[in-house]
N, C-alpha and C. Protein backbone atom coordinates (compact mmCIF):
# COMPACT_ATOMS: atom_id res chain seq x y z
N MET A 1 115.68 109.42 76.78
CA MET A 1 114.82 110.19 77.66
C MET A 1 115.35 111.62 77.72
N SER A 2 114.46 112.59 77.54
CA SER A 2 114.88 113.99 77.64
C SER A 2 115.15 114.36 79.10
N ASN A 3 115.85 115.46 79.28
CA ASN A 3 116.12 115.92 80.65
C ASN A 3 114.82 116.26 81.38
N THR A 4 113.87 116.86 80.66
CA THR A 4 112.57 117.16 81.28
C THR A 4 111.87 115.87 81.69
N ASP A 5 111.93 114.84 80.85
CA ASP A 5 111.32 113.56 81.20
C ASP A 5 111.95 112.96 82.46
N LEU A 6 113.26 113.17 82.64
CA LEU A 6 113.94 112.67 83.83
C LEU A 6 113.38 113.35 85.09
N VAL A 7 113.17 114.66 85.04
CA VAL A 7 112.61 115.38 86.18
C VAL A 7 111.17 114.93 86.43
N LEU A 8 110.41 114.76 85.36
CA LEU A 8 109.04 114.27 85.51
C LEU A 8 109.03 112.86 86.10
N ARG A 9 109.99 112.04 85.73
CA ARG A 9 110.09 110.69 86.32
C ARG A 9 110.35 110.78 87.82
N MET A 10 111.20 111.73 88.24
CA MET A 10 111.45 111.91 89.67
C MET A 10 110.14 112.21 90.40
N TYR A 11 109.34 113.12 89.83
CA TYR A 11 108.06 113.46 90.45
C TYR A 11 107.12 112.26 90.50
N ASP A 12 107.09 111.48 89.44
CA ASP A 12 106.23 110.30 89.40
C ASP A 12 106.66 109.29 90.47
N LEU A 13 107.95 109.03 90.55
CA LEU A 13 108.45 108.08 91.55
C LEU A 13 108.23 108.60 92.96
N PHE A 14 108.39 109.90 93.16
CA PHE A 14 108.14 110.50 94.47
C PHE A 14 106.69 110.28 94.88
N GLY A 15 105.77 110.49 93.95
CA GLY A 15 104.35 110.30 94.23
C GLY A 15 104.00 108.86 94.59
N LYS A 16 104.79 107.93 94.09
CA LYS A 16 104.59 106.50 94.39
C LYS A 16 105.38 106.06 95.61
N GLY A 17 106.18 106.96 96.18
CA GLY A 17 106.99 106.61 97.34
C GLY A 17 108.20 105.74 97.02
N GLU A 18 108.63 105.75 95.76
CA GLU A 18 109.75 104.90 95.35
C GLU A 18 111.08 105.65 95.48
N MET A 19 111.45 105.92 96.72
CA MET A 19 112.66 106.71 96.99
C MET A 19 113.93 105.97 96.60
N ASP A 20 113.97 104.65 96.78
CA ASP A 20 115.16 103.90 96.40
C ASP A 20 115.42 104.00 94.90
N THR A 21 114.36 103.96 94.10
CA THR A 21 114.53 104.09 92.65
C THR A 21 115.01 105.49 92.30
N ILE A 22 114.50 106.50 92.98
CA ILE A 22 114.98 107.86 92.75
C ILE A 22 116.48 107.92 93.04
N LYS A 23 116.88 107.35 94.18
CA LYS A 23 118.29 107.39 94.58
C LYS A 23 119.19 106.67 93.59
N THR A 24 118.76 105.53 93.07
CA THR A 24 119.64 104.72 92.24
C THR A 24 119.53 104.98 90.75
N GLU A 25 118.38 105.50 90.29
CA GLU A 25 118.19 105.66 88.85
C GLU A 25 118.00 107.09 88.38
N VAL A 26 117.67 108.01 89.28
CA VAL A 26 117.38 109.39 88.86
C VAL A 26 118.45 110.36 89.36
N PHE A 27 118.87 110.21 90.61
CA PHE A 27 119.84 111.13 91.20
C PHE A 27 121.26 110.74 90.83
N HIS A 28 122.07 111.73 90.51
CA HIS A 28 123.51 111.56 90.36
C HIS A 28 124.07 111.23 91.75
N PRO A 29 125.10 110.40 91.85
CA PRO A 29 125.65 110.06 93.18
C PRO A 29 126.10 111.28 93.99
N GLU A 30 126.45 112.36 93.31
CA GLU A 30 126.92 113.56 94.02
C GLU A 30 125.91 114.70 93.92
N ILE A 31 124.63 114.38 93.93
CA ILE A 31 123.59 115.40 93.81
C ILE A 31 123.70 116.44 94.93
N THR A 32 123.38 117.68 94.57
CA THR A 32 123.19 118.73 95.56
C THR A 32 121.83 119.37 95.30
N TRP A 33 121.17 119.77 96.38
CA TRP A 33 119.85 120.42 96.28
C TRP A 33 119.90 121.64 97.19
N ALA A 34 119.87 122.82 96.60
CA ALA A 34 120.02 124.06 97.36
C ALA A 34 118.67 124.74 97.56
N MET A 35 118.33 124.96 98.82
CA MET A 35 117.09 125.63 99.21
C MET A 35 117.47 126.93 99.90
N PRO A 36 117.13 128.08 99.29
CA PRO A 36 117.53 129.36 99.89
C PRO A 36 116.73 129.67 101.14
N GLY A 37 117.22 130.62 101.90
CA GLY A 37 116.44 131.13 103.02
C GLY A 37 117.16 131.11 104.34
N HIS A 38 116.40 131.49 105.34
CA HIS A 38 116.86 131.53 106.72
C HIS A 38 115.80 130.83 107.56
N HIS A 39 115.66 129.55 107.34
CA HIS A 39 114.66 128.75 108.03
C HIS A 39 115.19 127.33 108.21
N PRO A 40 114.51 126.48 108.97
CA PRO A 40 115.04 125.16 109.28
C PRO A 40 115.29 124.24 108.08
N LEU A 41 114.67 124.47 106.94
CA LEU A 41 114.89 123.59 105.79
C LEU A 41 115.85 124.19 104.77
N SER A 42 116.36 125.40 105.02
CA SER A 42 117.25 126.02 104.05
C SER A 42 118.65 125.43 104.16
N GLY A 43 119.37 125.56 103.07
CA GLY A 43 120.74 125.06 103.01
C GLY A 43 120.94 124.24 101.76
N THR A 44 122.11 123.64 101.66
CA THR A 44 122.42 122.78 100.52
C THR A 44 122.55 121.35 101.01
N MET A 45 121.66 120.51 100.53
CA MET A 45 121.71 119.09 100.86
C MET A 45 122.68 118.44 99.87
N LYS A 46 123.52 117.55 100.39
CA LYS A 46 124.54 116.91 99.56
C LYS A 46 124.37 115.40 99.64
N GLY A 47 124.21 114.79 98.48
CA GLY A 47 124.03 113.35 98.41
C GLY A 47 122.56 112.97 98.46
N ALA A 48 122.28 111.80 97.90
CA ALA A 48 120.89 111.34 97.78
C ALA A 48 120.21 111.17 99.13
N ASP A 49 120.91 110.67 100.13
CA ASP A 49 120.27 110.45 101.43
C ASP A 49 119.81 111.77 102.05
N GLU A 50 120.64 112.81 101.97
CA GLU A 50 120.24 114.11 102.51
C GLU A 50 119.06 114.69 101.74
N VAL A 51 119.07 114.54 100.42
CA VAL A 51 117.96 115.08 99.61
C VAL A 51 116.67 114.34 99.92
N ILE A 52 116.73 113.03 100.06
CA ILE A 52 115.52 112.25 100.40
C ILE A 52 115.00 112.66 101.78
N ALA A 53 115.89 112.87 102.74
CA ALA A 53 115.46 113.32 104.08
C ALA A 53 114.82 114.71 103.98
N PHE A 54 115.38 115.57 103.13
CA PHE A 54 114.81 116.89 102.88
C PHE A 54 113.40 116.76 102.30
N PHE A 55 113.21 115.83 101.36
CA PHE A 55 111.88 115.59 100.79
C PHE A 55 110.87 115.26 101.89
N ALA A 56 111.27 114.42 102.84
CA ALA A 56 110.37 114.03 103.92
C ALA A 56 109.98 115.26 104.75
N ASP A 57 110.96 116.11 105.06
CA ASP A 57 110.67 117.33 105.81
C ASP A 57 109.78 118.28 105.01
N LEU A 58 110.07 118.40 103.72
CA LEU A 58 109.28 119.28 102.87
C LEU A 58 107.83 118.80 102.80
N PHE A 59 107.63 117.50 102.76
CA PHE A 59 106.29 116.94 102.76
C PHE A 59 105.56 117.34 104.04
N GLN A 60 106.26 117.29 105.17
CA GLN A 60 105.67 117.67 106.46
C GLN A 60 105.30 119.15 106.52
N ALA A 61 105.92 119.95 105.67
CA ALA A 61 105.63 121.39 105.68
C ALA A 61 104.21 121.70 105.22
N GLY A 62 103.57 120.76 104.53
CA GLY A 62 102.18 120.94 104.14
C GLY A 62 101.98 121.90 102.98
N ILE A 63 102.93 121.95 102.08
CA ILE A 63 102.82 122.82 100.92
C ILE A 63 102.23 122.04 99.75
N ASN A 64 101.22 122.61 99.12
CA ASN A 64 100.64 122.04 97.91
C ASN A 64 101.18 122.81 96.71
N VAL A 65 101.42 122.10 95.62
CA VAL A 65 102.01 122.70 94.44
C VAL A 65 101.04 122.57 93.27
N ASP A 66 100.88 123.68 92.51
CA ASP A 66 100.08 123.64 91.29
C ASP A 66 100.65 124.62 90.28
N ASP A 67 99.98 124.73 89.16
CA ASP A 67 100.40 125.61 88.07
C ASP A 67 101.85 125.33 87.69
N VAL A 68 102.16 124.05 87.46
CA VAL A 68 103.52 123.61 87.19
C VAL A 68 103.78 123.62 85.68
N HIS A 69 104.91 124.20 85.30
CA HIS A 69 105.31 124.26 83.90
C HIS A 69 106.81 123.94 83.81
N PHE A 70 107.21 123.27 82.73
CA PHE A 70 108.61 122.91 82.53
C PHE A 70 109.10 123.45 81.20
N GLY A 71 110.40 123.72 81.16
CA GLY A 71 111.07 124.10 79.92
C GLY A 71 112.51 123.64 80.01
N GLU A 72 113.15 123.58 78.87
CA GLU A 72 114.54 123.14 78.85
C GLU A 72 115.37 124.18 78.12
N LEU A 73 116.46 124.60 78.77
CA LEU A 73 117.35 125.59 78.20
C LEU A 73 118.30 124.95 77.19
N ASP A 74 118.99 125.79 76.43
CA ASP A 74 119.91 125.30 75.41
C ASP A 74 120.99 124.37 75.97
N ASN A 75 121.40 124.60 77.22
CA ASN A 75 122.46 123.77 77.81
C ASN A 75 121.92 122.50 78.48
N GLY A 76 120.62 122.24 78.37
CA GLY A 76 120.01 121.04 78.94
C GLY A 76 119.44 121.22 80.33
N THR A 77 119.65 122.38 80.94
CA THR A 77 119.09 122.64 82.26
C THR A 77 117.56 122.66 82.16
N VAL A 78 116.91 121.96 83.08
CA VAL A 78 115.44 121.95 83.13
C VAL A 78 115.00 123.04 84.09
N VAL A 79 114.03 123.84 83.66
CA VAL A 79 113.49 124.91 84.48
C VAL A 79 112.03 124.57 84.78
N GLU A 80 111.72 124.58 86.05
CA GLU A 80 110.34 124.32 86.50
C GLU A 80 109.81 125.57 87.18
N LYS A 81 108.62 125.98 86.79
CA LYS A 81 107.94 127.11 87.42
C LYS A 81 106.68 126.57 88.06
N HIS A 82 106.44 126.92 89.32
CA HIS A 82 105.20 126.47 89.97
C HIS A 82 104.80 127.44 91.07
N HIS A 83 103.60 127.22 91.58
CA HIS A 83 103.12 127.95 92.75
C HIS A 83 102.98 126.97 93.90
N GLY A 84 103.57 127.31 95.03
CA GLY A 84 103.36 126.55 96.25
C GLY A 84 102.35 127.30 97.10
N HIS A 85 101.51 126.54 97.79
CA HIS A 85 100.49 127.13 98.66
C HIS A 85 100.56 126.44 100.02
N GLY A 86 100.40 127.20 101.07
CA GLY A 86 100.35 126.61 102.40
C GLY A 86 99.57 127.51 103.34
N ILE A 87 98.96 126.90 104.35
CA ILE A 87 98.26 127.64 105.39
C ILE A 87 98.90 127.30 106.72
N SER A 88 99.23 128.33 107.47
CA SER A 88 99.81 128.13 108.79
C SER A 88 99.31 129.22 109.71
N GLU A 89 98.86 128.81 110.87
CA GLU A 89 98.36 129.74 111.88
C GLU A 89 97.30 130.68 111.31
N GLY A 90 96.44 130.13 110.43
CA GLY A 90 95.35 130.90 109.85
C GLY A 90 95.72 131.83 108.72
N VAL A 91 97.00 131.82 108.32
CA VAL A 91 97.46 132.68 107.24
C VAL A 91 97.74 131.82 106.02
N GLU A 92 97.20 132.25 104.85
CA GLU A 92 97.48 131.53 103.62
C GLU A 92 98.68 132.17 102.92
N TYR A 93 99.60 131.32 102.52
CA TYR A 93 100.82 131.77 101.84
C TYR A 93 100.82 131.29 100.40
N LEU A 94 101.39 132.10 99.51
CA LEU A 94 101.60 131.73 98.12
C LEU A 94 103.08 131.91 97.82
N PHE A 95 103.69 130.87 97.26
CA PHE A 95 105.11 130.89 96.97
C PHE A 95 105.35 130.70 95.47
N PRO A 96 105.43 131.78 94.68
CA PRO A 96 105.83 131.61 93.29
C PRO A 96 107.29 131.15 93.27
N THR A 97 107.55 130.04 92.60
CA THR A 97 108.86 129.42 92.69
C THR A 97 109.34 128.95 91.32
N CYS A 98 110.64 129.01 91.13
CA CYS A 98 111.30 128.47 89.96
C CYS A 98 112.40 127.55 90.47
N THR A 99 112.51 126.38 89.91
CA THR A 99 113.56 125.43 90.30
C THR A 99 114.31 125.03 89.04
N THR A 100 115.64 125.02 89.14
CA THR A 100 116.45 124.59 88.01
C THR A 100 117.13 123.27 88.34
N TYR A 101 117.19 122.41 87.33
CA TYR A 101 117.76 121.07 87.46
C TYR A 101 118.89 120.91 86.45
N GLU A 102 120.11 120.74 86.94
CA GLU A 102 121.23 120.45 86.05
C GLU A 102 121.37 118.94 85.94
N ILE A 103 121.52 118.48 84.72
CA ILE A 103 121.58 117.05 84.45
C ILE A 103 123.00 116.70 84.01
N GLU A 104 123.53 115.60 84.56
CA GLU A 104 124.85 115.12 84.18
C GLU A 104 124.79 113.61 83.99
N ASN A 105 125.21 113.14 82.84
CA ASN A 105 125.22 111.71 82.53
C ASN A 105 123.85 111.06 82.76
N GLY A 106 122.79 111.77 82.37
CA GLY A 106 121.45 111.22 82.47
C GLY A 106 120.87 111.16 83.88
N ARG A 107 121.48 111.90 84.81
CA ARG A 107 121.00 111.93 86.20
C ARG A 107 120.91 113.38 86.68
N ILE A 108 120.03 113.63 87.63
CA ILE A 108 119.91 114.97 88.21
C ILE A 108 121.12 115.20 89.12
N ARG A 109 121.92 116.21 88.77
CA ARG A 109 123.19 116.46 89.47
C ARG A 109 123.11 117.62 90.46
N ALA A 110 122.44 118.71 90.07
CA ALA A 110 122.36 119.90 90.94
C ALA A 110 121.00 120.56 90.77
N VAL A 111 120.39 120.89 91.90
CA VAL A 111 119.08 121.53 91.90
C VAL A 111 119.19 122.82 92.70
N GLN A 112 118.62 123.89 92.16
CA GLN A 112 118.60 125.18 92.85
C GLN A 112 117.17 125.69 92.86
N VAL A 113 116.65 125.95 94.05
CA VAL A 113 115.31 126.51 94.20
C VAL A 113 115.45 128.03 94.23
N HIS A 114 114.57 128.72 93.50
CA HIS A 114 114.54 130.18 93.46
C HIS A 114 113.11 130.59 93.83
N THR A 115 112.95 131.46 94.79
CA THR A 115 111.61 131.86 95.19
C THR A 115 111.41 133.36 95.03
N ALA A 116 110.20 133.76 94.72
CA ALA A 116 109.89 135.18 94.54
C ALA A 116 109.56 135.87 95.86
N ASP A 117 109.31 135.11 96.92
CA ASP A 117 108.95 135.69 98.22
C ASP A 117 109.71 134.98 99.33
N GLN A 118 111.01 135.23 99.41
CA GLN A 118 111.83 134.53 100.40
C GLN A 118 111.39 134.83 101.82
N HIS A 119 111.01 136.08 102.10
CA HIS A 119 110.57 136.41 103.46
C HIS A 119 109.31 135.63 103.83
N GLY A 120 108.39 135.48 102.88
CA GLY A 120 107.19 134.68 103.13
C GLY A 120 107.51 133.22 103.37
N VAL A 121 108.43 132.66 102.58
CA VAL A 121 108.85 131.26 102.78
C VAL A 121 109.47 131.11 104.17
N ASP A 122 110.33 132.04 104.55
CA ASP A 122 110.97 131.96 105.87
C ASP A 122 109.92 131.99 106.99
N ARG A 123 108.97 132.93 106.90
CA ARG A 123 107.92 133.01 107.94
C ARG A 123 107.12 131.72 108.00
N TYR A 124 106.74 131.22 106.83
CA TYR A 124 105.94 129.99 106.79
C TYR A 124 106.71 128.82 107.41
N MET A 125 107.94 128.62 106.99
CA MET A 125 108.72 127.47 107.50
C MET A 125 108.95 127.57 109.00
N TRP A 126 109.23 128.78 109.50
CA TRP A 126 109.42 128.92 110.94
C TRP A 126 108.11 128.63 111.70
N SER A 127 106.98 128.91 111.08
CA SER A 127 105.71 128.62 111.76
C SER A 127 105.43 127.12 111.77
N ARG A 128 106.02 126.37 110.83
CA ARG A 128 105.78 124.93 110.72
C ARG A 128 106.82 124.08 111.45
N PHE A 129 108.03 124.60 111.61
CA PHE A 129 109.12 123.84 112.23
C PHE A 129 109.73 124.66 113.35
N GLN A 130 109.44 124.25 114.57
CA GLN A 130 109.97 124.96 115.72
C GLN A 130 111.24 124.28 116.23
N LEU A 131 112.20 125.08 116.64
CA LEU A 131 113.40 124.52 117.24
C LEU A 131 113.08 124.00 118.63
N LYS A 132 113.81 122.98 119.03
CA LYS A 132 113.71 122.50 120.41
C LYS A 132 114.34 123.56 121.32
N SER A 133 114.04 123.48 122.60
CA SER A 133 114.67 124.40 123.55
C SER A 133 116.17 124.13 123.57
N VAL A 134 116.94 125.10 124.06
CA VAL A 134 118.40 124.94 124.14
C VAL A 134 118.74 123.71 124.97
N ALA A 135 118.05 123.53 126.08
CA ALA A 135 118.32 122.36 126.95
C ALA A 135 118.11 121.05 126.19
N ASP A 136 117.02 120.96 125.43
CA ASP A 136 116.75 119.75 124.65
C ASP A 136 117.77 119.56 123.54
N ARG A 137 118.21 120.66 122.92
CA ARG A 137 119.24 120.54 121.88
C ARG A 137 120.56 120.09 122.46
N LEU A 138 120.89 120.54 123.65
CA LEU A 138 122.15 120.14 124.30
C LEU A 138 122.13 118.66 124.68
N LEU A 139 120.94 118.12 125.00
CA LEU A 139 120.82 116.71 125.36
C LEU A 139 121.18 115.80 124.19
N VAL A 140 120.91 116.25 122.97
CA VAL A 140 121.20 115.45 121.79
C VAL A 140 122.69 115.17 121.70
N GLY A 141 123.52 116.14 122.05
CA GLY A 141 124.98 115.98 121.98
C GLY A 141 125.57 115.25 123.17
N ALA A 142 124.76 115.03 124.20
CA ALA A 142 125.28 114.39 125.44
C ALA A 142 125.44 112.91 125.27
């Protein structure tokens, strides 16, 4: 299986809701997924459980993806280019995005998302995910 086929398999399994298969057959045990920005979903997720939880949050963000293209670099890194679209508070957003997938031992080991409009992504995500009040956040630790 080519590295590009492995990434396509992840997408296929995701569409079928087969997260356990993604965790055990597609993701490297030490996977990292880095999402740039200054919003509630940004950061580096470490391990399959964190990445799967991130997928659930990303799904809730209501972003649709199209115009997807894949290529593979000389070192085996898979490059995905796509457009994300979302509407929030009556504003339509377009997110031209590139994602790179590093493959190790036939598994996805490291993913880095690169976006052409980070400020737009930040505004969109903050409009979709609101922080709880300070009092409510303090209750979680009590």
